[in-house]
Amino acid sequence: MPEGHTIHRLASDLGELFTGTVVRASAVQDKFAAGVAMLDGGTVTGTDAWGKHLFVHAAPAGARPPVWLHVHLGLYGKFLHGTGTPAAPWGQLRLRLESERGWADLRGATASELLDEEGRLRVISRLGADPLRRGTDGEEPWTRISRSRTSVGALLMDQSVVAGVGNVYRAEILFRHGVDPFRPGRDLTAREWTAMWSDLRVLMRAGVRSGKIVTTRPEDRPRGRRTASTVRREDSHYVYRRTGEPCRVCGTPVRTAEMVARNLYWCPRCQAS
């Protein structure tokens, strides 16, 4: 599932392609037919993202009230985009947007719907603080975490606590701060959480810029691959998908276990309780 940095980058890309333009909307499948009809001929006025949720604001043709296209990609959704002329529509195409600047194709999303402003706010009200949004601090999630018996590893995956963190950032931020993922949230210190939140903001912003997740520090990467732009995928993470491989810091084999229906990765020595 795309993590928050991907959705924020997508919102920015779609904004550059469509904001201020009249769009043509079409589809192959009819699952979102009403939405396609409403968007066709309308003007895109902006884009936004909150956690893993994408929003595109549009003014439909015919003086109808403005709407928000709300998309949650889920595990299988994709919103591909580009410039020039797109390929002929094919397969399970739920929505195609086109303007003089480019195109975007939506397929397989868990959610795609049109909302008014009240509906958008209802979606956001169910979400926790997003590390990528300006002016957001970690106080609200800390209030939840500091009172919870639930493990920190599970809390980080709860989108009502922290919006946008997925399996990769969950595993990597816990490793970078030496936190046992099974530790109850209420046993985390305020100092630890403040450091984790600040680090999340830095890492996720870097992810928006580069389009990839790189969490290893330069000193823990192979020589010659010390800058993020030259890091290979296999050198990008400390523990994520490295089950049985030696920890980059201490050499202990990385372990894995299921937590909240996803594989969790950690180093039992660097993240000892």
Protein backbone atom coordinates (compact mmCIF):
# COMPACT_ATOMS: atom_id res chain seq x y z
CA MET A 1 0.00 0.00 0.00
CA PRO A 2 1.41 3.44 -0.87
CA GLU A 3 2.55 5.35 2.20
CA GLY A 4 1.88 8.99 2.89
CA HIS A 5 4.87 10.41 1.03
CA THR A 6 3.62 8.80 -2.20
CA ILE A 7 0.16 10.36 -1.87
CA HIS A 8 1.55 13.82 -1.11
CA ARG A 9 3.83 13.60 -4.13
CA LEU A 10 0.89 12.42 -6.25
CA ALA A 11 -1.21 15.36 -5.07
CA SER A 12 1.58 17.73 -6.07
CA ASP A 13 2.01 16.08 -9.49
CA LEU A 14 -1.72 16.13 -10.21
CA GLY A 15 -1.89 19.75 -9.11
CA GLU A 16 0.78 20.71 -11.62
CA LEU A 17 -0.99 18.79 -14.39
CA PHE A 18 -4.55 19.94 -13.82
CA THR A 19 -4.98 22.94 -11.51
CA GLY A 20 -6.61 25.77 -13.44
CA THR A 21 -7.52 23.58 -16.42
CA VAL A 22 -10.79 22.23 -17.78
CA VAL A 23 -10.59 18.43 -17.71
CA ARG A 24 -12.12 15.72 -19.82
CA ALA A 25 -13.18 12.74 -17.71
CA SER A 26 -13.81 9.24 -19.07
CA ALA A 27 -13.63 5.59 -18.01
CA VAL A 28 -13.87 2.01 -19.25
CA GLN A 29 -15.64 0.45 -16.27
CA ASP A 30 -18.86 2.02 -14.99
CA LYS A 31 -18.16 1.63 -11.25
CA PHE A 32 -17.60 5.40 -10.96
CA ALA A 33 -19.85 6.50 -13.83
CA ALA A 34 -21.66 9.22 -11.85
CA GLY A 35 -18.39 10.72 -10.71
CA VAL A 36 -16.95 10.65 -14.22
CA ALA A 37 -20.00 12.48 -15.56
CA MET A 38 -19.78 15.13 -12.84
CA LEU A 39 -16.06 15.80 -13.43
CA ASP A 40 -16.21 15.88 -17.22
CA GLY A 41 -15.94 19.47 -18.42
CA GLY A 42 -15.20 20.79 -14.94
CA THR A 43 -12.24 22.87 -13.79
CA VAL A 44 -9.71 21.53 -11.30
CA THR A 45 -9.03 24.18 -8.68
CA GLY A 46 -6.55 22.39 -6.39
CA THR A 47 -5.27 19.17 -4.84
CA ASP A 48 -4.54 18.04 -1.30
CA ALA A 49 -3.46 14.99 0.69
CA TRP A 50 -3.93 13.82 4.26
CA GLY A 51 -2.13 10.64 5.18
CA LYS A 52 -2.98 8.04 2.55
CA HIS A 53 -6.01 9.97 1.26
CA LEU A 54 -5.88 12.05 -1.92
CA PHE A 55 -8.25 14.93 -2.67
CA VAL A 56 -8.77 16.78 -5.96
CA HIS A 57 -10.98 19.87 -5.83
CA ALA A 58 -13.08 20.65 -8.90
CA ALA A 59 -15.73 23.09 -10.05
CA PRO A 60 -18.13 21.10 -12.26
CA ALA A 61 -19.52 22.61 -15.42
CA GLY A 62 -22.98 24.17 -15.36
CA ALA A 63 -22.59 26.21 -12.17
CA ARG A 64 -22.97 23.13 -9.99
CA PRO A 65 -21.49 23.19 -6.46
CA PRO A 66 -17.77 22.39 -6.14
CA VAL A 67 -16.79 18.83 -5.26
CA TRP A 68 -13.82 16.92 -3.93
CA LEU A 69 -12.66 13.76 -5.69
CA HIS A 70 -11.57 11.53 -2.80
CA VAL A 71 -9.28 8.59 -3.57
CA HIS A 72 -7.80 5.96 -1.30
CA LEU A 73 -5.61 3.65 -3.33
CA GLY A 74 -5.49 0.78 -0.83
CA LEU A 75 -3.37 -2.27 -1.64
CA TYR A 76 -4.01 -2.48 -5.37
CA GLY A 77 -4.91 1.01 -6.57
CA LYS A 78 -2.76 3.03 -8.95
CA PHE A 79 -3.06 6.61 -10.18
CA LEU A 80 -0.65 6.83 -13.11
CA HIS A 81 -0.06 10.13 -14.88
CA GLY A 82 1.98 11.71 -17.62
CA THR A 83 2.21 14.37 -20.29
CA GLY A 84 1.33 14.15 -23.95
CA THR A 85 -1.28 11.80 -25.36
CA PRO A 86 -2.23 8.77 -23.22
CA ALA A 87 -2.56 5.25 -24.58
CA ALA A 88 -6.00 4.04 -25.68
CA PRO A 89 -8.19 3.23 -22.65
CA TRP A 90 -8.04 -0.42 -21.62
CA GLY A 91 -8.94 -2.83 -18.81
CA GLN A 92 -10.50 -1.76 -15.54
CA LEU A 93 -9.97 1.96 -16.01
CA ARG A 94 -12.09 3.67 -13.35
CA LEU A 95 -11.27 7.27 -14.23
CA ARG A 96 -9.19 9.09 -16.81
CA LEU A 97 -8.57 12.81 -16.51
CA GLU A 98 -7.11 14.74 -19.43
CA SER A 99 -6.18 18.37 -20.01
CA GLU A 100 -3.86 20.23 -22.34
CA ARG A 101 -1.04 19.55 -19.85
CA GLY A 102 -1.39 15.79 -19.49
CA TRP A 103 -3.43 12.86 -18.24
CA ALA A 104 -4.00 10.65 -15.21
CA ASP A 105 -5.49 7.13 -15.02
CA LEU A 106 -7.04 5.66 -11.87
CA ARG A 107 -7.37 1.89 -11.47
CA GLY A 108 -8.19 -0.49 -8.63
CA ALA A 109 -8.59 2.04 -5.82
CA THR A 110 -10.24 0.98 -2.57
CA ALA A 111 -12.24 4.22 -2.59
CA SER A 112 -13.10 6.75 -5.28
CA GLU A 113 -15.98 9.11 -4.58
CA LEU A 114 -17.14 12.68 -4.89
CA LEU A 115 -17.63 14.60 -1.64
CA ASP A 116 -18.73 18.05 -0.64
CA GLU A 117 -16.65 19.99 1.87
CA GLU A 118 -18.54 18.50 4.79
CA GLY A 119 -17.88 15.00 3.49
CA ARG A 120 -14.18 15.73 3.11
CA LEU A 121 -14.00 16.99 6.69
CA ARG A 122 -15.70 13.79 7.88
CA VAL A 123 -12.95 11.73 6.24
CA ILE A 124 -10.24 13.89 7.78
CA SER A 125 -11.89 13.75 11.22
CA ARG A 126 -11.21 10.01 11.29
CA LEU A 127 -7.50 10.51 10.64
CA GLY A 128 -4.65 11.29 12.98
CA ALA A 129 -1.94 13.91 12.59
CA ASP A 130 -0.06 13.78 9.29
CA PRO A 131 3.72 14.37 9.66
CA LEU A 132 3.79 15.88 6.16
CA ARG A 133 1.25 18.63 6.74
CA ARG A 134 2.54 22.07 7.62
CA GLY A 135 1.88 23.25 11.14
CA THR A 136 1.21 19.73 12.42
CA ASP A 137 2.93 18.65 15.62
CA GLY A 138 3.08 15.34 17.43
CA GLU A 139 1.05 16.35 20.49
CA GLU A 140 -2.24 14.80 19.37
CA PRO A 141 -0.78 11.36 18.59
CA TRP A 142 1.32 11.53 21.75
CA THR A 143 -1.83 11.94 23.84
CA ARG A 144 -3.18 8.69 22.37
CA ILE A 145 0.10 6.80 22.49
CA SER A 146 1.05 7.79 26.04
CA ARG A 147 -2.23 6.42 27.44
CA SER A 148 -2.38 3.19 25.45
CA ARG A 149 -1.50 -0.37 26.41
CA THR A 150 -1.33 -1.23 22.71
CA SER A 151 2.14 -1.82 21.30
CA VAL A 152 3.95 1.08 19.68
CA GLY A 153 4.31 -0.97 16.50
CA ALA A 154 0.53 -1.34 16.23
CA LEU A 155 -0.20 2.28 17.15
CA LEU A 156 2.03 3.58 14.36
CA MET A 157 -0.04 1.63 11.83
CA ASP A 158 -3.31 3.03 13.19
CA GLN A 159 -4.26 5.81 10.76
CA SER A 160 -6.42 7.44 13.42
CA VAL A 161 -3.26 7.96 15.48
CA VAL A 162 -0.68 8.88 12.82
CA ALA A 163 -1.87 9.34 9.24
CA GLY A 164 0.41 8.26 6.42
CA VAL A 165 2.78 5.89 8.20
CA GLY A 166 2.80 2.42 6.66
CA ASN A 167 4.78 -0.76 7.11
CA VAL A 168 8.11 0.59 5.88
CA TYR A 169 8.19 3.77 7.92
CA ARG A 170 6.82 1.88 10.94
CA ALA A 171 9.68 -0.64 10.94
CA GLU A 172 12.39 1.85 10.09
CA ILE A 173 11.50 4.63 12.53
CA LEU A 174 11.35 2.16 15.41
CA PHE A 175 14.78 0.81 14.48
CA ARG A 176 16.34 4.25 14.07
CA HIS A 177 15.28 5.11 17.62
CA GLY A 178 16.00 1.74 19.22
CA VAL A 179 12.40 1.16 20.25
CA ASP A 180 11.06 -2.35 20.77
CA PRO A 181 7.93 -2.55 18.56
CA PHE A 182 6.19 -4.66 21.21
CA ARG A 183 6.60 -2.03 23.94
CA PRO A 184 3.24 -0.63 25.12
CA GLY A 185 2.64 2.92 23.98
CA ARG A 186 2.31 4.17 27.56
CA ASP A 187 5.89 2.98 28.24
CA LEU A 188 7.32 5.23 25.54
CA THR A 189 8.84 8.43 26.91
CA ALA A 190 7.88 11.89 25.71
CA ARG A 191 11.49 12.46 24.69
CA GLU A 192 11.50 9.30 22.56
CA TRP A 193 8.26 10.24 20.84
CA THR A 194 9.41 13.80 20.12
CA ALA A 195 12.55 12.45 18.47
CA MET A 196 10.58 9.87 16.47
CA TRP A 197 8.04 12.45 15.27
CA SER A 198 10.75 14.89 14.17
CA ASP A 199 12.57 12.10 12.36
CA LEU A 200 9.39 10.97 10.62
CA ARG A 201 8.85 14.48 9.28
CA VAL A 202 12.39 14.58 7.88
CA LEU A 203 12.30 11.09 6.35
CA MET A 204 8.84 11.46 4.83
CA ARG A 205 9.63 14.87 3.34
CA ALA A 206 12.73 13.36 1.76
CA GLY A 207 10.47 10.60 0.41
CA VAL A 208 8.19 13.17 -1.23
CA ARG A 209 11.17 14.80 -2.94
CA SER A 210 12.86 11.61 -4.14
CA GLY A 211 9.82 9.39 -4.67
CA LYS A 212 11.40 6.59 -2.61
CA ILE A 213 11.99 5.64 1.00
CA VAL A 214 15.61 5.78 2.13
CA THR A 215 16.09 5.45 5.88
CA THR A 216 19.69 4.26 6.25
CA ARG A 217 22.25 6.77 7.43
CA PRO A 218 25.24 7.37 5.14
CA GLU A 219 27.67 5.70 7.55
CA ASP A 220 25.61 2.49 7.48
CA ARG A 221 25.62 2.16 3.67
CA PRO A 222 28.27 0.53 1.47
CA ARG A 223 31.10 2.81 0.40
CA GLY A 224 30.38 4.76 -2.73
CA ARG A 225 26.65 4.85 -2.00
CA ARG A 226 26.59 7.44 0.74
CA THR A 227 24.13 9.87 -0.88
CA ALA A 228 20.40 9.10 -1.13
CA SER A 229 20.39 9.55 -4.92
CA THR A 230 22.89 6.71 -5.40
CA VAL A 231 21.46 4.28 -2.83
CA ARG A 232 20.31 0.94 -4.23
CA ARG A 233 16.98 -0.44 -3.01
CA GLU A 234 18.73 -3.24 -1.10
CA ASP A 235 20.74 -0.64 0.84
CA SER A 236 17.82 1.70 1.58
CA HIS A 237 16.45 0.14 4.77
CA TYR A 238 17.72 -1.13 8.10
CA VAL A 239 15.24 -3.92 8.80
CA TYR A 240 12.30 -3.79 6.38
CA ARG A 241 12.15 -7.05 4.37
CA ARG A 242 15.57 -8.10 5.68
CA THR A 243 14.46 -11.15 7.67
CA GLY A 244 17.45 -13.28 8.67
CA GLU A 245 19.98 -10.82 7.27
CA PRO A 246 22.54 -9.25 9.62
CA CYS A 247 21.59 -5.96 11.25
CA ARG A 248 23.52 -3.16 9.59
CA VAL A 249 24.59 -1.87 13.01
CA CYS A 250 25.19 -4.89 15.27
CA GLY A 251 25.12 -7.93 12.95
CA THR A 252 22.26 -9.71 14.76
CA PRO A 253 19.85 -11.45 12.34
CA VAL A 254 16.76 -9.34 11.66
CA ARG A 255 13.54 -10.92 12.89
CA THR A 256 9.98 -10.78 11.62
CA ALA A 257 6.53 -11.44 13.08
CA GLU A 258 2.98 -10.54 12.15
CA MET A 259 1.50 -7.45 13.78
CA VAL A 260 -1.84 -5.89 12.77
CA ALA A 261 -2.00 -8.21 9.75
CA ARG A 262 1.33 -7.00 8.34
CA ASN A 263 4.87 -8.34 8.66
CA LEU A 264 6.88 -6.47 11.27
CA TYR A 265 10.69 -6.36 11.08
CA TRP A 266 13.09 -5.52 13.90
CA CYS A 267 16.52 -6.16 15.38
CA PRO A 268 16.19 -7.95 18.74
CA ARG A 269 19.46 -6.47 19.98
CA CYS A 270 19.31 -2.84 18.80
CA GLN A 271 15.61 -2.70 19.80
CA ALA A 272 15.79 -4.64 23.04
CA SER A 273 13.19 -3.80 25.68
